[in-house]
Amino acid sequence: MTTTNIDEIEELFEQNDTDGNGDIDFEEFTALIADLDPKMPGPALTIGFHDIDTNKDGLINFDEFLDWWLRD
């Protein structure tokens, strides 16, 4: 993983953090996934969100997002 790749991932995160608070909430996550996989069913969105939100605060921060993005 290069710095450029991480910068691109961070840019994607920031584009979807529409309120600019540094976290992605469920609504923002839904919009992000709609761009990446428009056919993903609602239950999978909920499961995915909770899987990524490893600290279980109801938000996805950049570190959680990056860890998810880099998973095999």
Protein backbone atom coordinates (compact mmCIF):
# COMPACT_ATOMS: atom_id res chain seq x y z
CA MET A 1 0.00 0.00 0.00
CA THR A 2 1.47 3.31 -1.05
CA THR A 3 0.85 6.76 0.36
CA THR A 4 -0.98 7.59 -2.87
CA ASN A 5 -3.36 4.67 -2.34
CA ILE A 6 -4.05 5.72 1.24
CA ASP A 7 -4.60 9.30 0.06
CA GLU A 8 -7.15 8.05 -2.47
CA ILE A 9 -8.95 6.03 0.19
CA GLU A 10 -8.94 9.04 2.50
CA GLU A 11 -10.37 11.19 -0.29
CA LEU A 12 -13.18 8.68 -0.82
CA PHE A 13 -13.87 8.70 2.93
CA GLU A 14 -13.93 12.51 3.06
CA GLN A 15 -16.21 12.75 0.02
CA ASN A 16 -18.72 10.57 1.83
CA ASP A 17 -18.38 12.33 5.17
CA THR A 18 -20.89 14.88 3.93
CA ASP A 19 -21.30 16.70 7.24
CA GLY A 20 -17.51 16.95 7.66
CA ASN A 21 -17.46 15.65 11.23
CA GLY A 22 -14.68 13.12 10.57
CA ASP A 23 -16.96 10.09 10.77
CA ILE A 24 -19.34 8.31 8.43
CA ASP A 25 -22.77 7.65 9.89
CA PHE A 26 -25.20 5.05 8.56
CA GLU A 27 -26.84 7.47 6.10
CA GLU A 28 -23.47 8.47 4.66
CA PHE A 29 -22.41 4.81 4.53
CA THR A 30 -25.58 3.94 2.63
CA ALA A 31 -24.77 6.59 0.01
CA LEU A 32 -21.17 5.33 -0.25
CA ILE A 33 -22.25 1.73 -0.81
CA ALA A 34 -24.91 2.83 -3.31
CA ASP A 35 -22.03 4.15 -5.44
CA LEU A 36 -19.85 1.06 -4.93
CA ASP A 37 -22.53 -1.66 -5.09
CA PRO A 38 -25.98 -0.31 -5.95
CA LYS A 39 -27.56 -3.78 -5.71
CA MET A 40 -26.52 -4.44 -2.10
CA PRO A 41 -29.65 -5.29 -0.11
CA GLY A 42 -30.62 -3.28 2.98
CA PRO A 43 -29.88 -6.02 5.53
CA ALA A 44 -26.36 -6.40 4.13
CA LEU A 45 -25.83 -2.64 4.55
CA THR A 46 -26.72 -2.86 8.21
CA ILE A 47 -24.52 -5.88 8.80
CA GLY A 48 -21.64 -4.28 6.90
CA PHE A 49 -21.92 -1.02 8.80
CA HIS A 50 -21.83 -2.77 12.16
CA ASP A 51 -18.93 -4.96 11.02
CA ILE A 52 -16.85 -1.93 10.03
CA ASP A 53 -17.77 0.02 13.18
CA THR A 54 -15.39 -1.98 15.36
CA ASN A 55 -15.57 0.34 18.38
CA LYS A 56 -19.39 0.18 18.23
CA ASP A 57 -19.98 3.91 18.61
CA GLY A 58 -22.47 4.05 15.73
CA LEU A 59 -20.01 5.81 13.43
CA ILE A 60 -17.20 4.75 11.13
CA ASN A 61 -13.97 6.70 11.58
CA PHE A 62 -11.19 6.75 9.01
CA ASP A 63 -9.09 4.08 10.75
CA GLU A 64 -12.05 1.68 10.79
CA PHE A 65 -12.78 2.51 7.15
CA LEU A 66 -9.16 1.96 6.12
CA ASP A 67 -8.97 -1.36 7.97
CA TRP A 68 -12.15 -2.47 6.19
CA TRP A 69 -10.94 -1.27 2.79
CA LEU A 70 -7.65 -3.16 3.14
CA ARG A 71 -9.16 -6.47 4.27
CA ASP A 72 -8.53 -9.46 2.04
